Amino acid sequence: MSASAVARNYAATLFELAGREASEIRFGELIDEIAGLYETDVSFRRFLNAPSVSLTEKKEVLRDAIGPRAPETFVRFLLVVLDRRRHRGLPGIARAYRALLDENAGRVRASITLPFEGGEEVKFRIIAALERRFRKEIVPEFHIDGRILGGMIVRVGDELLDASLRRQVEALRRELV
């Protein structure tokens, strides 16, 4: 099973557990925090990955650090992740959980690449057009890439909408050659 499929399974389980407590958003914040810590804090990552540290010690430290401010169900979920040695997948689990939250709320995330910093009016019009196209609330993430020359590139889920001038020029070049 691929790492992303495993992450989706764990995220779905966490989402179901959170739903039982009506704490989907809180669990999302917590899994994002833990995954972010794993990605950015080298000492935390080394600690969890260290074969010289026993599983019992890792679980104790995690419980002591998170236990006082997280629901017991969430803590137990993390301990199961450790038990099954899936802690390296925490960032993927967090991404998959976010996707479930968005899907449940009728939202989709869109990565929008422009050749320049768009003003608020431009961004508003792009978001409005995407919301009409996908019939869902759009959570935009804007990027700048001067190489696209003009137009934009939009990625929503697995769908890629490339309306960049660069792609159009390359297509024209292929036709002429």
Protein backbone atom coordinates (compact mmCIF):
# COMPACT_ATOMS: atom_id res chain seq x y z
CA MET A 1 0.00 0.00 0.00
CA SER A 2 1.37 3.43 -0.92
CA ALA A 3 2.30 5.99 1.73
CA SER A 4 -0.50 8.32 0.60
CA ALA A 5 -3.08 5.51 0.85
CA VAL A 6 -1.87 4.69 4.36
CA ALA A 7 -2.04 8.38 5.29
CA ARG A 8 -5.61 8.61 3.94
CA ASN A 9 -6.63 5.56 6.00
CA TYR A 10 -5.18 7.01 9.20
CA ALA A 11 -6.71 10.42 8.44
CA ALA A 12 -10.12 8.83 7.85
CA THR A 13 -9.86 7.00 11.16
CA LEU A 14 -8.87 10.19 12.98
CA PHE A 15 -11.72 12.06 11.28
CA GLU A 16 -14.20 9.43 12.42
CA LEU A 17 -12.87 9.57 15.99
CA ALA A 18 -13.08 13.37 15.95
CA GLY A 19 -16.64 13.21 14.67
CA ARG A 20 -17.70 11.11 17.64
CA GLU A 21 -16.61 13.99 19.87
CA ALA A 22 -17.70 16.76 17.47
CA SER A 23 -14.07 17.91 17.51
CA GLU A 24 -13.09 17.71 13.86
CA ILE A 25 -11.55 21.17 13.76
CA ARG A 26 -9.66 20.73 17.05
CA PHE A 27 -8.25 17.37 15.94
CA GLY A 28 -7.21 19.02 12.66
CA GLU A 29 -5.34 21.73 14.54
CA LEU A 30 -3.62 19.12 16.68
CA ILE A 31 -2.56 16.83 13.83
CA ASP A 32 -1.30 19.89 11.89
CA GLU A 33 0.71 20.96 14.94
CA ILE A 34 2.28 17.52 15.46
CA ALA A 35 3.00 17.06 11.74
CA GLY A 36 4.49 20.55 11.54
CA LEU A 37 6.68 19.80 14.51
CA TYR A 38 7.82 16.56 12.90
CA GLU A 39 8.67 18.37 9.66
CA THR A 40 10.43 21.39 11.17
CA ASP A 41 11.95 20.31 14.49
CA VAL A 42 14.99 18.15 13.80
CA SER A 43 15.37 17.08 17.43
CA PHE A 44 11.74 15.91 17.62
CA ARG A 45 12.10 14.00 14.37
CA ARG A 46 15.38 12.42 15.53
CA PHE A 47 13.79 11.44 18.83
CA LEU A 48 10.88 9.67 17.14
CA ASN A 49 13.14 8.02 14.57
CA ALA A 50 15.85 6.94 17.05
CA PRO A 51 16.06 3.16 17.36
CA SER A 52 17.97 3.62 20.62
CA VAL A 53 14.89 5.14 22.29
CA SER A 54 12.34 2.52 23.26
CA LEU A 55 8.78 2.72 22.05
CA THR A 56 7.63 2.97 25.66
CA GLU A 57 9.84 6.03 26.24
CA LYS A 58 8.60 7.69 23.06
CA LYS A 59 4.99 7.12 24.05
CA GLU A 60 5.58 8.46 27.57
CA VAL A 61 7.22 11.63 26.28
CA LEU A 62 4.48 12.17 23.70
CA ARG A 63 1.73 11.59 26.26
CA ASP A 64 3.39 13.98 28.75
CA ALA A 65 3.88 16.67 26.10
CA ILE A 66 0.47 16.48 24.42
CA GLY A 67 -1.77 14.81 26.98
CA PRO A 68 -2.62 17.84 29.11
CA ARG A 69 -3.91 19.87 26.16
CA ALA A 70 -5.34 17.26 23.80
CA PRO A 71 -8.38 15.00 24.08
CA GLU A 72 -7.55 11.48 25.25
CA THR A 73 -8.90 10.04 21.98
CA PHE A 74 -6.39 12.09 20.01
CA VAL A 75 -3.53 11.06 22.29
CA ARG A 76 -4.47 7.39 21.92
CA PHE A 77 -4.57 7.81 18.15
CA LEU A 78 -1.02 9.20 18.17
CA LEU A 79 0.13 6.32 20.36
CA VAL A 80 -1.29 3.85 17.85
CA VAL A 81 0.57 5.69 15.06
CA LEU A 82 3.76 5.20 17.09
CA ASP A 83 2.94 1.56 17.87
CA ARG A 84 2.61 0.84 14.17
CA ARG A 85 5.74 2.83 13.37
CA ARG A 86 3.85 5.19 11.08
CA HIS A 87 5.14 8.43 12.64
CA ARG A 88 7.08 9.24 9.46
CA GLY A 89 3.70 9.58 7.79
CA LEU A 90 2.42 12.30 10.14
CA PRO A 91 2.74 15.08 7.53
CA GLY A 92 0.80 12.99 5.00
CA ILE A 93 -1.84 12.14 7.60
CA ALA A 94 -2.24 15.86 8.35
CA ARG A 95 -2.64 16.71 4.64
CA ALA A 96 -5.18 13.93 4.15
CA TYR A 97 -7.07 15.04 7.28
CA ARG A 98 -7.19 18.63 5.97
CA ALA A 99 -8.61 17.31 2.69
CA LEU A 100 -11.34 15.45 4.61
CA LEU A 101 -12.17 18.60 6.59
CA ASP A 102 -12.42 20.60 3.36
CA GLU A 103 -14.54 17.96 1.66
CA ASN A 104 -16.87 17.78 4.64
CA ALA A 105 -17.24 21.58 4.64
CA GLY A 106 -17.80 21.78 0.86
CA ARG A 107 -14.45 23.47 0.20
CA VAL A 108 -11.61 22.78 -2.18
CA ARG A 109 -8.07 24.10 -2.04
CA ALA A 110 -6.71 25.81 -5.12
CA SER A 111 -3.10 26.56 -5.94
CA ILE A 112 -3.12 29.61 -8.20
CA THR A 113 0.07 30.70 -9.94
CA LEU A 114 0.28 34.17 -11.45
CA PRO A 115 3.19 35.90 -13.22
CA PHE A 116 2.93 38.86 -10.83
CA GLU A 117 1.51 39.81 -7.44
CA GLY A 118 -2.19 40.18 -8.12
CA GLY A 119 -4.13 42.90 -6.38
CA GLU A 120 -7.11 42.16 -4.18
CA GLU A 121 -9.56 42.79 -7.02
CA VAL A 122 -7.75 40.34 -9.31
CA LYS A 123 -7.64 37.70 -6.59
CA PHE A 124 -11.32 38.22 -5.76
CA ARG A 125 -12.32 37.79 -9.43
CA ILE A 126 -10.22 34.64 -9.81
CA ILE A 127 -11.70 33.11 -6.67
CA ALA A 128 -15.25 34.01 -7.76
CA ALA A 129 -14.70 32.43 -11.18
CA LEU A 130 -13.28 29.25 -9.61
CA GLU A 131 -16.18 29.03 -7.17
CA ARG A 132 -18.62 29.23 -10.08
CA ARG A 133 -16.64 26.58 -12.00
CA PHE A 134 -16.33 24.09 -9.13
CA ARG A 135 -19.53 25.04 -7.26
CA LYS A 136 -17.64 24.95 -3.97
CA GLU A 137 -15.96 27.40 -1.65
CA ILE A 138 -12.36 27.93 -2.78
CA VAL A 139 -9.49 28.12 -0.30
CA PRO A 140 -6.85 29.86 -2.43
CA GLU A 141 -3.09 29.67 -2.17
CA PHE A 142 -1.47 32.22 -4.49
CA HIS A 143 2.03 31.83 -5.93
CA ILE A 144 4.13 34.02 -8.19
CA ASP A 145 6.17 32.63 -11.09
CA GLY A 146 7.44 35.13 -13.64
CA ARG A 147 8.28 32.30 -16.06
CA ILE A 148 4.62 31.85 -17.04
CA LEU A 149 4.74 35.32 -18.73
CA GLY A 150 1.00 35.95 -18.48
CA GLY A 151 -2.27 34.23 -17.66
CA MET A 152 -2.34 31.77 -14.78
CA ILE A 153 -2.06 28.15 -13.74
CA VAL A 154 -4.65 26.72 -11.36
CA ARG A 155 -4.50 23.35 -9.62
CA VAL A 156 -7.60 22.14 -7.81
CA GLY A 157 -7.21 18.61 -6.51
CA ASP A 158 -6.06 16.50 -9.46
CA GLU A 159 -7.28 18.99 -12.04
CA LEU A 160 -4.82 21.36 -13.70
CA LEU A 161 -6.04 24.42 -15.60
CA ASP A 162 -3.11 25.90 -17.51
CA ALA A 163 -4.10 29.22 -19.05
CA SER A 164 -0.57 30.57 -19.03
CA LEU A 165 0.87 32.53 -21.93
CA ARG A 166 3.98 30.34 -21.72
CA ARG A 167 1.95 27.18 -22.45
CA GLN A 168 0.15 28.90 -25.31
CA VAL A 169 3.46 30.06 -26.86
CA GLU A 170 4.91 26.53 -26.50
CA ALA A 171 1.80 25.05 -28.17
CA LEU A 172 2.08 27.55 -31.02
CA ARG A 173 5.80 26.73 -31.39
CA ARG A 174 4.99 22.99 -31.64
CA GLU A 175 2.38 23.70 -34.35
CA LEU A 176 4.79 25.79 -36.40
CA VAL A 177 7.73 23.39 -36.17
